[in-house]
C-alpha atoms as a PDB file:
ATOM      1  CA  MET A   1     156.161  51.805 -82.294  1.00  0.00           C
ATOM      2  CA  ALA A   2     157.525  48.738 -84.024  1.00  0.00           C
ATOM      3  CA  GLY A   3     161.065  49.601 -82.953  1.00  0.00           C
ATOM      4  CA  ASP A   4     160.160  49.342 -79.280  1.00  0.00           C
ATOM      5  CA  LYS A   5     158.517  45.956 -79.885  1.00  0.00           C
ATOM      6  CA  ASP A   6     161.646  44.740 -81.701  1.00  0.00           C
ATOM      7  CA  LYS A   7     163.861  45.827 -78.801  1.00  0.00           C
ATOM      8  CA  THR A   8     161.564  44.078 -76.339  1.00  0.00           C
ATOM      9  CA  SER A   9     161.614  40.907 -78.428  1.00  0.00           C
ATOM     10  CA  ILE A  10     165.399  40.958 -78.572  1.00  0.00           C
ATOM     11  CA  ALA A  11     165.623  41.607 -74.834  1.00  0.00           C
ATOM     12  CA  ASP A  12     163.157  38.772 -74.154  1.00  0.00           C
ATOM     13  CA  PHE A  13     165.162  36.441 -76.382  1.00  0.00           C
ATOM     14  CA  GLU A  14     168.409  37.327 -74.606  1.00  0.00           C
ATOM     15  CA  LYS A  15     166.788  36.889 -71.195  1.00  0.00           C
ATOM     16  CA  SER A  16     165.350  33.506 -72.192  1.00  0.00           C
ATOM     17  CA  LEU A  17     168.686  32.384 -73.605  1.00  0.00           C
ATOM     18  CA  ASP A  18     170.508  33.426 -70.417  1.00  0.00           C
ATOM     19  CA  GLU A  19     167.986  31.533 -68.290  1.00  0.00           C
ATOM     20  CA  LEU A  20     168.304  28.488 -70.534  1.00  0.00           C
ATOM     21  CA  GLU A  21     172.103  28.521 -70.216  1.00  0.00           C
ATOM     22  CA  LYS A  22     171.797  28.691 -66.411  1.00  0.00           C
ATOM     23  CA  LEU A  23     169.373  25.764 -66.394  1.00  0.00           C
ATOM     24  CA  VAL A  24     171.752  23.712 -68.523  1.00  0.00           C
ATOM     25  CA  ARG A  25     174.653  24.457 -66.164  1.00  0.00           C
ATOM     26  CA  ASP A  26     172.535  23.499 -63.144  1.00  0.00           C
ATOM     27  CA  LEU A  27     171.435  20.245 -64.767  1.00  0.00           C
ATOM     28  CA  GLU A  28     174.957  19.378 -65.913  1.00  0.00           C
ATOM     29  CA  GLN A  29     176.247  19.713 -62.358  1.00  0.00           C
ATOM     30  CA  GLY A  30     173.890  16.906 -61.356  1.00  0.00           C
ATOM     31  CA  GLU A  31     173.296  18.238 -57.861  1.00  0.00           C
ATOM     32  CA  LEU A  32     169.594  19.059 -58.147  1.00  0.00           C
ATOM     33  CA  PRO A  33     167.053  16.705 -56.607  1.00  0.00           C
ATOM     34  CA  LEU A  34     164.997  14.737 -59.127  1.00  0.00           C
ATOM     35  CA  GLU A  35     161.882  16.917 -58.804  1.00  0.00           C
ATOM     36  CA  GLN A  36     163.901  20.122 -59.343  1.00  0.00           C
ATOM     37  CA  SER A  37     165.726  18.522 -62.261  1.00  0.00           C
ATOM     38  CA  LEU A  38     162.440  17.636 -63.918  1.00  0.00           C
ATOM     39  CA  ALA A  39     161.083  21.152 -63.357  1.00  0.00           C
ATOM     40  CA  ALA A  40     164.291  22.654 -64.758  1.00  0.00           C
ATOM     41  CA  PHE A  41     164.136  20.344 -67.776  1.00  0.00           C
ATOM     42  CA  GLU A  42     160.500  21.272 -68.400  1.00  0.00           C
ATOM     43  CA  ARG A  43     161.329  24.983 -68.138  1.00  0.00           C
ATOM     44  CA  GLY A  44     164.281  24.448 -70.480  1.00  0.00           C
ATOM     45  CA  ILE A  45     162.041  22.865 -73.101  1.00  0.00           C
ATOM     46  CA  LYS A  46     159.648  25.818 -72.884  1.00  0.00           C
ATOM     47  CA  LEU A  47     162.508  28.325 -73.191  1.00  0.00           C
ATOM     48  CA  THR A  48     163.990  26.422 -76.134  1.00  0.00           C
ATOM     49  CA  ARG A  49     160.672  26.589 -77.975  1.00  0.00           C
ATOM     50  CA  GLU A  50     160.345  30.315 -77.235  1.00  0.00           C
ATOM     51  CA  CYS A  51     163.871  30.956 -78.524  1.00  0.00           C
ATOM     52  CA  GLN A  52     163.262  28.883 -81.655  1.00  0.00           C
ATOM     53  CA  SER A  53     160.077  30.837 -82.328  1.00  0.00           C
ATOM     54  CA  ALA A  54     161.877  34.165 -81.868  1.00  0.00           C
ATOM     55  CA  LEU A  55     164.659  33.060 -84.222  1.00  0.00           C
ATOM     56  CA  LYS A  56     162.135  31.936 -86.839  1.00  0.00           C
ATOM     57  CA  SER A  57     160.390  35.293 -86.586  1.00  0.00           C
ATOM     58  CA  ALA A  58     163.706  37.117 -86.989  1.00  0.00           C
ATOM     59  CA  GLU A  59     164.547  34.961 -90.009  1.00  0.00           C
ATOM     60  CA  GLN A  60     161.222  35.860 -91.624  1.00  0.00           C
ATOM     61  CA  ARG A  61     161.838  39.566 -90.980  1.00  0.00           C
ATOM     62  CA  VAL A  62     165.291  39.330 -92.564  1.00  0.00           C
ATOM     63  CA  GLU A  63     163.817  37.582 -95.607  1.00  0.00           C
ATOM     64  CA  GLN A  64     161.257  40.367 -95.966  1.00  0.00           C
ATOM     65  CA  LEU A  65     163.985  42.984 -95.757  1.00  0.00           C
ATOM     66  CA  ILE A  66     166.126  41.389 -98.461  1.00  0.00           C
ATOM     67  CA  GLN A  67     163.277  40.492-100.805  1.00  0.00           C
ATOM     68  CA  ASN A  68     163.803  41.969-104.267  1.00  0.00           C
ATOM     69  CA  SER A  69     161.158  44.065-105.969  1.00  0.00           C
ATOM     70  CA  ASP A  70     160.283  41.157-108.274  1.00  0.00           C
ATOM     71  CA  GLY A  71     159.441  38.974-105.266  1.00  0.00           C
ATOM     72  CA  SER A  72     162.590  36.862-105.399  1.00  0.00           C
ATOM     73  CA  LEU A  73     164.965  36.637-102.482  1.00  0.00           C
ATOM     74  CA  GLU A  74     168.517  37.825-102.762  1.00  0.00           C
ATOM     75  CA  THR A  75     170.590  34.793-101.799  1.00  0.00           C
ATOM     76  CA  ARG A  76     174.126  35.927-101.234  1.00  0.00           C
ATOM     77  CA  PRO A  77     176.114  34.747 -98.223  1.00  0.00           C
ATOM     78  CA  PHE A  78     176.173  36.994 -95.180  1.00  0.00           C
ATOM     79  CA  ALA A  79     179.410  38.868 -94.648  1.00  0.00           C
ATOM     80  CA  PRO A  80     179.739  41.077 -91.540  1.00  0.00           C
ATOM     81  CA  ASP A  81     181.783  43.698 -93.399  1.00  0.00           C
ATOM     82  CA  ASP A  82     179.429  43.707 -96.395  1.00  0.00           C
ATOM     83  CA  THR A  83     178.041  47.221 -96.948  1.00  0.00           C
ATOM     84  CA  HIS A  84     175.530  46.364 -99.699  1.00  0.00           C
END
């Protein structure tokens, strides 16, 4: 069930991104004690790496989907209303 795995990956990405945004807000407020700030920063770095990895994986999947039969990639700009 690849579709279920894809949905889980997307949900995990969204959850990680939401948590990362909350951590950033908390750190920007500057009200956390130093030890909590360091822990939040460390968690933020981990979440950033997880999100970057998920985005890279998604990019690779998109490239596979748009690869032409001759092995070349179709390189046209993305347009949301494009039906090709």
